[in-house]
PDB file of N, CA and C in Angstrom:
ATOM      1  N   MET A   1      19.368  -0.312  11.711  1.00  0.00           N
ATOM      2  CA  MET A   1      18.385   0.083  12.362  1.00  0.00           C
ATOM      3  C   MET A   1      18.258  -1.680  13.153  1.00  0.00           C
ATOM      4  N   ASN A   2      18.524  -1.659  14.264  1.00  0.00           N
ATOM      5  CA  ASN A   2      18.886  -2.884  15.223  1.00  0.00           C
ATOM      6  C   ASN A   2      17.529  -3.287  15.760  1.00  0.00           C
ATOM      7  N   GLU A   3      16.273  -2.858  16.075  1.00  0.00           N
ATOM      8  CA  GLU A   3      15.309  -3.223  16.772  1.00  0.00           C
ATOM      9  C   GLU A   3      13.910  -4.080  15.283  1.00  0.00           C
ATOM     10  N   THR A   4      13.321  -4.552  15.762  1.00  0.00           N
ATOM     11  CA  THR A   4      12.360  -4.884  14.892  1.00  0.00           C
ATOM     12  C   THR A   4      11.086  -4.441  14.519  1.00  0.00           C
ATOM     13  N   PRO A   5      10.959  -4.108  13.224  1.00  0.00           N
ATOM     14  CA  PRO A   5       9.877  -3.154  13.082  1.00  0.00           C
ATOM     15  C   PRO A   5       8.519  -3.538  13.676  1.00  0.00           C
ATOM     16  N   ARG A   6       7.671  -2.879  14.098  1.00  0.00           N
ATOM     17  CA  ARG A   6       6.472  -3.009  14.239  1.00  0.00           C
ATOM     18  C   ARG A   6       5.690  -2.050  14.541  1.00  0.00           C
ATOM     19  N   GLY A   7       4.081  -2.139  14.785  1.00  0.00           N
ATOM     20  CA  GLY A   7       3.204  -1.443  14.620  1.00  0.00           C
ATOM     21  C   GLY A   7       2.771  -0.536  13.479  1.00  0.00           C
ATOM     22  N   ILE A   8       2.534   0.413  13.787  1.00  0.00           N
ATOM     23  CA  ILE A   8       1.809   1.062  12.007  1.00  0.00           C
ATOM     24  C   ILE A   8       2.652   2.238  11.904  1.00  0.00           C
ATOM     25  N   VAL A   9       3.610   2.494  10.775  1.00  0.00           N
ATOM     26  CA  VAL A   9       4.093   3.214  10.780  1.00  0.00           C
ATOM     27  C   VAL A   9       3.637   3.993   9.106  1.00  0.00           C
ATOM     28  N   HIS A  10       4.377   4.999   8.585  1.00  0.00           N
ATOM     29  CA  HIS A  10       4.176   5.491   7.027  1.00  0.00           C
ATOM     30  C   HIS A  10       4.847   5.152   6.008  1.00  0.00           C
ATOM     31  N   TYR A  11       3.447   4.587   4.459  1.00  0.00           N
ATOM     32  CA  TYR A  11       4.259   4.320   3.565  1.00  0.00           C
ATOM     33  C   TYR A  11       4.261   5.263   2.833  1.00  0.00           C
ATOM     34  N   VAL A  12       5.167   5.473   1.174  1.00  0.00           N
ATOM     35  CA  VAL A  12       5.166   6.658   0.535  1.00  0.00           C
ATOM     36  C   VAL A  12       4.793   6.273  -0.296  1.00  0.00           C
ATOM     37  N   LEU A  13       3.714   7.295  -0.854  1.00  0.00           N
ATOM     38  CA  LEU A  13       3.656   6.874  -2.094  1.00  0.00           C
ATOM     39  C   LEU A  13       4.312   7.328  -3.267  1.00  0.00           C
ATOM     40  N   TYR A  14       4.313   7.195  -4.565  1.00  0.00           N
ATOM     41  CA  TYR A  14       4.880   8.037  -5.367  1.00  0.00           C
ATOM     42  C   TYR A  14       4.620   9.191  -5.513  1.00  0.00           C
ATOM     43  N   ASN A  15       3.563   9.746  -5.328  1.00  0.00           N
ATOM     44  CA  ASN A  15       3.728  11.120  -5.058  1.00  0.00           C
ATOM     45  C   ASN A  15       4.048  11.892  -4.034  1.00  0.00           C
ATOM     46  N   LYS A  16       4.750  11.283  -3.355  1.00  0.00           N
ATOM     47  CA  LYS A  16       5.254  11.439  -1.896  1.00  0.00           C
ATOM     48  C   LYS A  16       4.178  11.974  -0.295  1.00  0.00           C
ATOM     49  N   GLU A  17       3.312  11.408  -1.226  1.00  0.00           N
ATOM     50  CA  GLU A  17       3.016  11.482   0.364  1.00  0.00           C
ATOM     51  C   GLU A  17       2.288   9.909   0.992  1.00  0.00           C
ATOM     52  N   CYS A  18       1.884  10.318   2.490  1.00  0.00           N
ATOM     53  CA  CYS A  18       2.457   9.043   3.096  1.00  0.00           C
ATOM     54  C   CYS A  18       0.993   8.756   3.803  1.00  0.00           C
ATOM     55  N   ARG A  19       0.658   7.296   3.513  1.00  0.00           N
ATOM     56  CA  ARG A  19      -0.374   6.716   4.498  1.00  0.00           C
ATOM     57  C   ARG A  19       0.701   5.531   5.664  1.00  0.00           C
ATOM     58  N   PRO A  20      -1.313   5.621   6.374  1.00  0.00           N
ATOM     59  CA  PRO A  20      -0.328   4.791   7.166  1.00  0.00           C
ATOM     60  C   PRO A  20      -0.641   3.428   6.698  1.00  0.00           C
ATOM     61  N   PHE A  21       0.380   2.296   7.488  1.00  0.00           N
ATOM     62  CA  PHE A  21       1.166   1.125   7.039  1.00  0.00           C
ATOM     63  C   PHE A  21       0.974   0.309   8.098  1.00  0.00           C
ATOM     64  N   LEU A  22       0.296  -0.908   8.582  1.00  0.00           N
ATOM     65  CA  LEU A  22       0.411  -1.551   9.418  1.00  0.00           C
ATOM     66  C   LEU A  22       1.374  -2.899   9.063  1.00  0.00           C
ATOM     67  N   ILE A  23       2.533  -2.728  10.011  1.00  0.00           N
ATOM     68  CA  ILE A  23       3.410  -3.737   9.476  1.00  0.00           C
ATOM     69  C   ILE A  23       3.013  -5.432  10.319  1.00  0.00           C
ATOM     70  N   THR A  24       3.277  -6.416   9.336  1.00  0.00           N
ATOM     71  CA  THR A  24       2.387  -7.640   9.822  1.00  0.00           C
ATOM     72  C   THR A  24       3.631  -8.480   9.903  1.00  0.00           C
ATOM     73  N   LYS A  25       4.506  -8.301   9.193  1.00  0.00           N
ATOM     74  CA  LYS A  25       5.995  -9.355   9.414  1.00  0.00           C
ATOM     75  C   LYS A  25       7.080  -8.884   9.054  1.00  0.00           C
ATOM     76  N   ALA A  26       8.023  -8.389   9.427  1.00  0.00           N
ATOM     77  CA  ALA A  26       9.629  -8.494   9.240  1.00  0.00           C
ATOM     78  C   ALA A  26      10.240  -9.323   9.599  1.00  0.00           C
ATOM     79  N   TRP A  27      11.414  -9.086   8.499  1.00  0.00           N
ATOM     80  CA  TRP A  27      12.764 -10.174   8.604  1.00  0.00           C
ATOM     81  C   TRP A  27      14.019  -8.899   8.990  1.00  0.00           C
ATOM     82  N   PRO A  28      14.271  -9.323  10.328  1.00  0.00           N
ATOM     83  CA  PRO A  28      15.422  -8.695  10.653  1.00  0.00           C
ATOM     84  C   PRO A  28      17.010  -9.489  10.057  1.00  0.00           C
ATOM     85  N   THR A  29      16.812 -10.665   9.652  1.00  0.00           N
ATOM     86  CA  THR A  29      17.901 -11.107   8.772  1.00  0.00           C
ATOM     87  C   THR A  29      17.676 -11.368   7.655  1.00  0.00           C
ATOM     88  N   TYR A  30      16.515 -10.512   7.099  1.00  0.00           N
ATOM     89  CA  TYR A  30      16.462 -10.623   5.607  1.00  0.00           C
ATOM     90  C   TYR A  30      16.754  -9.713   4.722  1.00  0.00           C
ATOM     91  N   THR A  31      17.473  -9.166   4.686  1.00  0.00           N
ATOM     92  CA  THR A  31      18.012  -7.547   4.202  1.00  0.00           C
ATOM     93  C   THR A  31      18.540  -7.740   2.941  1.00  0.00           C
ATOM     94  N   VAL A  32      18.220  -6.408   2.075  1.00  0.00           N
ATOM     95  CA  VAL A  32      18.774  -6.252   0.808  1.00  0.00           C
ATOM     96  C   VAL A  32      19.506  -5.009   0.624  1.00  0.00           C
ATOM     97  N   ASN A  33      20.747  -5.037   0.494  1.00  0.00           N
ATOM     98  CA  ASN A  33      22.151  -4.280   0.571  1.00  0.00           C
ATOM     99  C   ASN A  33      21.789  -3.579   1.972  1.00  0.00           C
ATOM    100  N   GLU A  34      21.811  -4.013   2.691  1.00  0.00           N
ATOM    101  CA  GLU A  34      21.033  -4.224   4.520  1.00  0.00           C
ATOM    102  C   GLU A  34      19.878  -3.517   4.750  1.00  0.00           C
ATOM    103  N   VAL A  35      19.110  -3.605   4.443  1.00  0.00           N
ATOM    104  CA  VAL A  35      17.853  -2.978   4.604  1.00  0.00           C
ATOM    105  C   VAL A  35      16.655  -3.805   4.897  1.00  0.00           C
ATOM    106  N   VAL A  36      16.053  -3.912   6.274  1.00  0.00           N
ATOM    107  CA  VAL A  36      15.178  -4.490   6.421  1.00  0.00           C
ATOM    108  C   VAL A  36      13.767  -4.179   5.416  1.00  0.00           C
ATOM    109  N   ARG A  37      13.388  -5.743   5.347  1.00  0.00           N
ATOM    110  CA  ARG A  37      12.071  -5.546   4.228  1.00  0.00           C
ATOM    111  C   ARG A  37      10.880  -5.995   5.030  1.00  0.00           C
ATOM    112  N   VAL A  38       9.522  -5.595   4.933  1.00  0.00           N
ATOM    113  CA  VAL A  38       8.487  -5.747   5.772  1.00  0.00           C
ATOM    114  C   VAL A  38       7.080  -6.177   4.547  1.00  0.00           C
ATOM    115  N   ASN A  39       6.330  -6.913   5.374  1.00  0.00           N
ATOM    116  CA  ASN A  39       5.105  -6.672   4.557  1.00  0.00           C
ATOM    117  C   ASN A  39       3.995  -6.322   5.484  1.00  0.00           C
ATOM    118  N   GLY A  40       3.078  -5.395   5.144  1.00  0.00           N
ATOM    119  CA  GLY A  40       1.849  -5.203   5.805  1.00  0.00           C
ATOM    120  C   GLY A  40       0.733  -4.863   5.210  1.00  0.00           C
ATOM    121  N   THR A  41      -0.539  -4.119   5.617  1.00  0.00           N
ATOM    122  CA  THR A  41      -1.406  -3.593   4.605  1.00  0.00           C
ATOM    123  C   THR A  41      -1.076  -2.195   4.697  1.00  0.00           C
ATOM    124  N   LEU A  42      -1.768  -1.462   3.886  1.00  0.00           N
ATOM    125  CA  LEU A  42      -1.133  -0.306   3.241  1.00  0.00           C
ATOM    126  C   LEU A  42      -2.973   0.253   3.593  1.00  0.00           C
ATOM    127  N   PHE A  43      -3.118   1.606   4.064  1.00  0.00           N
ATOM    128  CA  PHE A  43      -4.836   1.721   4.337  1.00  0.00           C
ATOM    129  C   PHE A  43      -4.607   3.274   3.444  1.00  0.00           C
ATOM    130  N   ILE A  44      -5.413   3.145   2.385  1.00  0.00           N
ATOM    131  CA  ILE A  44      -5.371   4.102   1.521  1.00  0.00           C
ATOM    132  C   ILE A  44      -6.503   5.563   1.856  1.00  0.00           C
ATOM    133  N   ASP A  45      -6.387   6.652   0.776  1.00  0.00           N
ATOM    134  CA  ASP A  45      -8.125   7.373   1.316  1.00  0.00           C
ATOM    135  C   ASP A  45      -8.559   7.448   0.448  1.00  0.00           C
ATOM    136  N   GLY A  46      -8.447   6.671  -0.375  1.00  0.00           N
ATOM    137  CA  GLY A  46      -9.636   6.503  -1.612  1.00  0.00           C
ATOM    138  C   GLY A  46      -8.855   5.897  -2.653  1.00  0.00           C
ATOM    139  N   SER A  47      -9.957   6.444  -3.808  1.00  0.00           N
ATOM    140  CA  SER A  47      -9.485   5.428  -5.294  1.00  0.00           C
ATOM    141  C   SER A  47      -8.670   7.123  -6.187  1.00  0.00           C
ATOM    142  N   ASN A  48      -8.638   7.936  -5.298  1.00  0.00           N
ATOM    143  CA  ASN A  48      -7.689   8.742  -5.837  1.00  0.00           C
ATOM    144  C   ASN A  48      -6.194   8.348  -5.669  1.00  0.00           C
ATOM    145  N   ASP A  49      -6.129   7.688  -4.551  1.00  0.00           N
ATOM    146  CA  ASP A  49      -4.616   7.154  -4.302  1.00  0.00           C
ATOM    147  C   ASP A  49      -3.904   5.930  -5.584  1.00  0.00           C
ATOM    148  N   TYR A  50      -5.203   5.673  -6.241  1.00  0.00           N
ATOM    149  CA  TYR A  50      -4.420   4.692  -6.627  1.00  0.00           C
ATOM    150  C   TYR A  50      -3.456   4.525  -8.034  1.00  0.00           C
ATOM    151  N   THR A  51      -3.089   5.727  -8.652  1.00  0.00           N
ATOM    152  CA  THR A  51      -2.491   6.417  -9.647  1.00  0.00           C
ATOM    153  C   THR A  51      -0.664   6.742  -8.836  1.00  0.00           C
ATOM    154  N   SER A  52      -0.701   6.741  -7.581  1.00  0.00           N
ATOM    155  CA  SER A  52       1.078   6.807  -7.029  1.00  0.00           C
ATOM    156  C   SER A  52       0.809   5.843  -5.652  1.00  0.00           C
ATOM    157  N   ILE A  53       0.076   4.444  -6.137  1.00  0.00           N
ATOM    158  CA  ILE A  53       0.715   3.135  -5.747  1.00  0.00           C
ATOM    159  C   ILE A  53       1.581   2.440  -6.336  1.00  0.00           C
ATOM    160  N   PRO A  54       2.797   2.043  -6.318  1.00  0.00           N
ATOM    161  CA  PRO A  54       3.461   1.457  -7.056  1.00  0.00           C
ATOM    162  C   PRO A  54       2.764  -0.047  -7.378  1.00  0.00           C
ATOM    163  N   GLN A  55       2.740  -0.566  -8.723  1.00  0.00           N
ATOM    164  CA  GLN A  55       2.686  -2.279  -8.756  1.00  0.00           C
ATOM    165  C   GLN A  55       1.550  -2.220  -8.564  1.00  0.00           C
ATOM    166  N   PHE A  56       0.294  -1.276  -8.723  1.00  0.00           N
ATOM    167  CA  PHE A  56      -1.012  -1.451  -8.441  1.00  0.00           C
ATOM    168  C   PHE A  56      -2.174  -1.459  -9.784  1.00  0.00           C
ATOM    169  N   THR A  57      -2.758  -2.533  -9.772  1.00  0.00           N
ATOM    170  CA  THR A  57      -3.453  -1.926 -10.890  1.00  0.00           C
ATOM    171  C   THR A  57      -5.398  -2.222 -10.321  1.00  0.00           C
ATOM    172  N   PRO A  58      -5.805  -1.395 -10.793  1.00  0.00           N
ATOM    173  CA  PRO A  58      -6.925  -1.111 -10.043  1.00  0.00           C
ATOM    174  C   PRO A  58      -8.023  -1.672 -10.567  1.00  0.00           C
ATOM    175  N   PRO A  59      -8.957  -2.151  -9.497  1.00  0.00           N
ATOM    176  CA  PRO A  59     -10.489  -2.858 -10.134  1.00  0.00           C
ATOM    177  C   PRO A  59     -11.397  -2.518 -10.764  1.00  0.00           C
ATOM    178  N   GLN A  60     -11.925  -3.008 -12.014  1.00  0.00           N
ATOM    179  CA  GLN A  60     -12.597  -2.563 -13.052  1.00  0.00           C
ATOM    180  C   GLN A  60     -13.847  -2.827 -12.753  1.00  0.00           C
ATOM    181  N   GLY A  61     -15.168  -2.501 -13.543  1.00  0.00           N
ATOM    182  CA  GLY A  61     -16.785  -2.277 -13.109  1.00  0.00           C
ATOM    183  C   GLY A  61     -16.354  -3.673 -14.179  1.00  0.00           C
ATOM    184  N   VAL A  62     -17.591  -4.234 -14.188  1.00  0.00           N
ATOM    185  CA  VAL A  62     -18.021  -5.186 -15.524  1.00  0.00           C
ATOM    186  C   VAL A  62     -19.414  -4.565 -15.461  1.00  0.00           C
ATOM    187  N   GLN A  63     -19.598  -5.402 -16.994  1.00  0.00           N
ATOM    188  CA  GLN A  63     -21.327  -5.113 -17.555  1.00  0.00           C
ATOM    189  C   GLN A  63     -22.146  -6.347 -17.408  1.00  0.00           C
ATOM    190  N   ARG A  64     -23.013  -6.140 -16.528  1.00  0.00           N
ATOM    191  CA  ARG A  64     -23.798  -6.671 -16.202  1.00  0.00           C
ATOM    192  C   ARG A  64     -25.239  -6.999 -16.926  1.00  0.00           C
ATOM    193  N   GLN A  65     -26.102  -8.411 -16.877  1.00  0.00           N
ATOM    194  CA  GLN A  65     -26.969  -7.846 -17.461  1.00  0.00           C
ATOM    195  C   GLN A  65     -28.848  -8.706 -16.501  1.00  0.00           C
ATOM    196  N   GLN A  66     -29.752  -7.459 -17.029  1.00  0.00           N
ATOM    197  CA  GLN A  66     -30.679  -7.248 -16.099  1.00  0.00           C
ATOM    198  C   GLN A  66     -31.469  -8.535 -16.253  1.00  0.00           C
ATOM    199  N   SER A  67     -32.420  -9.016 -15.798  1.00  0.00           N
ATOM    200  CA  SER A  67     -33.432  -9.861 -16.039  1.00  0.00           C
ATOM    201  C   SER A  67     -34.483  -9.666 -17.471  1.00  0.00           C
ATOM    202  N   ASP A  68     -34.775  -8.131 -17.573  1.00  0.00           N
ATOM    203  CA  ASP A  68     -35.140  -8.080 -19.043  1.00  0.00           C
ATOM    204  C   ASP A  68     -34.252  -7.647 -20.385  1.00  0.00           C
ATOM    205  N   GLY A  69     -32.735  -8.033 -20.553  1.00  0.00           N
ATOM    206  CA  GLY A  69     -32.302  -8.264 -21.270  1.00  0.00           C
ATOM    207  C   GLY A  69     -31.277  -7.460 -21.937  1.00  0.00           C
ATOM    208  N   THR A  70     -31.639  -5.764 -20.692  1.00  0.00           N
ATOM    209  CA  THR A  70     -30.641  -5.064 -20.995  1.00  0.00           C
ATOM    210  C   THR A  70     -29.459  -5.136 -19.780  1.00  0.00           C
ATOM    211  N   PHE A  71     -28.360  -4.504 -20.127  1.00  0.00           N
ATOM    212  CA  PHE A  71     -27.042  -4.554 -19.639  1.00  0.00           C
ATOM    213  C   PHE A  71     -26.990  -2.814 -19.124  1.00  0.00           C
ATOM    214  N   TYR A  72     -26.104  -3.138 -17.674  1.00  0.00           N
ATOM    215  CA  TYR A  72     -26.153  -2.131 -17.238  1.00  0.00           C
ATOM    216  C   TYR A  72     -24.757  -2.160 -16.784  1.00  0.00           C
ATOM    217  N   ASN A  73     -23.891  -1.061 -16.015  1.00  0.00           N
ATOM    218  CA  ASN A  73     -22.342  -0.925 -15.967  1.00  0.00           C
ATOM    219  C   ASN A  73     -22.098  -1.523 -14.262  1.00  0.00           C
ATOM    220  N   ASP A  74     -21.709  -2.262 -13.443  1.00  0.00           N
ATOM    221  CA  ASP A  74     -21.983  -2.271 -12.593  1.00  0.00           C
ATOM    222  C   ASP A  74     -20.231  -1.683 -12.117  1.00  0.00           C
ATOM    223  N   PRO A  75     -20.025  -0.808 -11.382  1.00  0.00           N
ATOM    224  CA  PRO A  75     -19.028  -0.134 -11.090  1.00  0.00           C
ATOM    225  C   PRO A  75     -18.340  -1.464 -10.164  1.00  0.00           C
ATOM    226  N   ALA A  76     -16.745  -0.963 -10.388  1.00  0.00           N
ATOM    227  CA  ALA A  76     -15.981  -1.644  -9.459  1.00  0.00           C
ATOM    228  C   ALA A  76     -16.471  -0.982  -7.450  1.00  0.00           C
ATOM    229  N   PRO A  77     -15.632  -1.652  -6.953  1.00  0.00           N
ATOM    230  CA  PRO A  77     -15.069  -1.789  -5.469  1.00  0.00           C
ATOM    231  C   PRO A  77     -14.279  -0.482  -5.170  1.00  0.00           C
ATOM    232  N   THR A  78     -14.315   0.220  -4.322  1.00  0.00           N
ATOM    233  CA  THR A  78     -13.176   1.235  -3.898  1.00  0.00           C
ATOM    234  C   THR A  78     -12.456   0.095  -2.795  1.00  0.00           C
ATOM    235  N   ILE A  79     -11.320  -0.410  -3.453  1.00  0.00           N
ATOM    236  CA  ILE A  79     -10.221  -0.868  -2.424  1.00  0.00           C
ATOM    237  C   ILE A  79      -9.438  -0.232  -1.313  1.00  0.00           C
ATOM    238  N   LEU A  80      -9.712  -0.162  -0.231  1.00  0.00           N
ATOM    239  CA  LEU A  80      -9.185   0.936   1.102  1.00  0.00           C
ATOM    240  C   LEU A  80      -7.835   0.471   1.786  1.00  0.00           C
ATOM    241  N   THR A  81      -7.447  -1.255   0.929  1.00  0.00           N
ATOM    242  CA  THR A  81      -6.390  -1.787   1.691  1.00  0.00           C
ATOM    243  C   THR A  81      -5.819  -2.510   0.965  1.00  0.00           C
ATOM    244  N   LEU A  82      -4.567  -2.399   1.281  1.00  0.00           N
ATOM    245  CA  LEU A  82      -3.847  -3.263   0.047  1.00  0.00           C
ATOM    246  C   LEU A  82      -2.704  -4.235   0.700  1.00  0.00           C
ATOM    247  N   TRP A  83      -2.879  -5.471   0.508  1.00  0.00           N
ATOM    248  CA  TRP A  83      -1.269  -5.659   0.719  1.00  0.00           C
ATOM    249  C   TRP A  83       0.142  -5.658   0.136  1.00  0.00           C
ATOM    250  N   LYS A  84       1.230  -5.624   1.003  1.00  0.00           N
ATOM    251  CA  LYS A  84       2.601  -4.936   0.511  1.00  0.00           C
ATOM    252  C   LYS A  84       3.138  -5.923   0.722  1.00  0.00           C
ATOM    253  N   THR A  85       4.279  -6.377   0.182  1.00  0.00           N
ATOM    254  CA  THR A  85       5.275  -7.190   0.775  1.00  0.00           C
ATOM    255  C   THR A  85       6.624  -6.818   0.343  1.00  0.00           C
ATOM    256  N   SER A  86       7.418  -6.609   0.975  1.00  0.00           N
ATOM    257  CA  SER A  86       9.143  -6.600   0.788  1.00  0.00           C
ATOM    258  C   SER A  86       9.800  -5.249   0.868  1.00  0.00           C
ATOM    259  N   VAL A  87       8.701  -4.269   1.502  1.00  0.00           N
ATOM    260  CA  VAL A  87       8.557  -2.499   1.861  1.00  0.00           C
ATOM    261  C   VAL A  87       9.868  -2.305   2.010  1.00  0.00           C
ATOM    262  N   LYS A  88      10.627  -1.557   1.865  1.00  0.00           N
ATOM    263  CA  LYS A  88      12.023  -1.618   2.332  1.00  0.00           C
ATOM    264  C   LYS A  88      11.971  -0.099   3.078  1.00  0.00           C
ATOM    265  N   PHE A  89      12.688  -0.256   4.410  1.00  0.00           N
ATOM    266  CA  PHE A  89      13.070   1.171   5.216  1.00  0.00           C
ATOM    267  C   PHE A  89      13.378   1.886   4.587  1.00  0.00           C
ATOM    268  N   SER A  90      13.006   3.336   4.728  1.00  0.00           N
ATOM    269  CA  SER A  90      13.984   4.370   3.884  1.00  0.00           C
ATOM    270  C   SER A  90      13.546   5.602   4.858  1.00  0.00           C
ATOM    271  N   GLY A  91      14.629   6.457   5.479  1.00  0.00           N
ATOM    272  CA  GLY A  91      14.088   7.407   6.129  1.00  0.00           C
ATOM    273  C   GLY A  91      14.256   9.046   4.863  1.00  0.00           C
ATOM    274  N   ASN A  92      14.471   8.942   4.317  1.00  0.00           N
ATOM    275  CA  ASN A  92      14.963   9.373   2.638  1.00  0.00           C
ATOM    276  C   ASN A  92      13.605  10.309   2.190  1.00  0.00           C
ATOM    277  N   ASN A  93      12.493   9.632   2.418  1.00  0.00           N
ATOM    278  CA  ASN A  93      10.992   9.469   1.935  1.00  0.00           C
ATOM    279  C   ASN A  93      11.036   9.794  -0.012  1.00  0.00           C
ATOM    280  N   GLU A  94      11.397   7.928   0.267  1.00  0.00           N
ATOM    281  CA  GLU A  94      11.540   7.672  -0.985  1.00  0.00           C
ATOM    282  C   GLU A  94      10.134   6.652  -1.597  1.00  0.00           C
ATOM    283  N   SER A  95       9.506   6.800  -2.845  1.00  0.00           N
ATOM    284  CA  SER A  95       8.844   6.621  -3.239  1.00  0.00           C
ATOM    285  C   SER A  95       9.061   4.585  -2.406  1.00  0.00           C
ATOM    286  N   ASP A  96       7.831   3.988  -2.428  1.00  0.00           N
ATOM    287  CA  ASP A  96       7.658   2.575  -2.110  1.00  0.00           C
ATOM    288  C   ASP A  96       8.381   2.393  -0.975  1.00  0.00           C
ATOM    289  N   THR A  97       8.681   3.134   0.149  1.00  0.00           N
ATOM    290  CA  THR A  97       9.210   2.543   1.198  1.00  0.00           C
ATOM    291  C   THR A  97       8.593   2.820   2.079  1.00  0.00           C
ATOM    292  N   TRP A  98       8.709   2.463   3.784  1.00  0.00           N
ATOM    293  CA  TRP A  98       8.329   3.104   5.005  1.00  0.00           C
ATOM    294  C   TRP A  98       9.421   3.659   5.524  1.00  0.00           C
ATOM    295  N   HIS A  99       8.548   4.203   6.932  1.00  0.00           N
ATOM    296  CA  HIS A  99       9.001   4.896   7.551  1.00  0.00           C
ATOM    297  C   HIS A  99       8.643   4.979   8.943  1.00  0.00           C
ATOM    298  N   TYR A 100       9.316   5.202  10.039  1.00  0.00           N
ATOM    299  CA  TYR A 100       8.700   5.906  11.129  1.00  0.00           C
ATOM    300  C   TYR A 100       8.042   7.222  11.301  1.00  0.00           C
ATOM    301  N   PRO A 101       6.377   7.336  11.908  1.00  0.00           N
ATOM    302  CA  PRO A 101       6.058   9.053  11.621  1.00  0.00           C
ATOM    303  C   PRO A 101       6.940  10.161  12.391  1.00  0.00           C
ATOM    304  N   GLU A 102       6.807  11.237  11.552  1.00  0.00           N
ATOM    305  CA  GLU A 102       7.748  12.069  12.479  1.00  0.00           C
ATOM    306  C   GLU A 102       7.244  12.426  13.611  1.00  0.00           C
ATOM    307  N   GLN A 103       8.007  13.124  14.720  1.00  0.00           N
ATOM    308  CA  GLN A 103       7.529  13.094  16.291  1.00  0.00           C
ATOM    309  C   GLN A 103       6.457  14.826  15.698  1.00  0.00           C
ATOM    310  N   ALA A 104       5.919  14.399  16.207  1.00  0.00           N
ATOM    311  CA  ALA A 104       4.872  16.001  16.607  1.00  0.00           C
ATOM    312  C   ALA A 104       5.466  17.076  17.352  1.00  0.00           C
TER     313      ALA A 104
END
């Protein structure tokens, strides 16, 4: 890979599905075993993707007290974007990697 990666690419989840990944920083000289690493923003499809994202702990709801003294559960917000760092390139559809979108 001789060019600096940029733009929207695909990120591979643990379940081998791909999601859009916007590269925000790439280090052509920062390689691990000759693999370029990038930082970027991962766009997910909803909370159903949480279990397929490496090293991600989903947000938890909290219990809140109302003015009358009773409690209620306030659900956690659904997170639809995540910051991922040092994601490596792979053309083999490996989990926790990025690749260019397939041509239509």
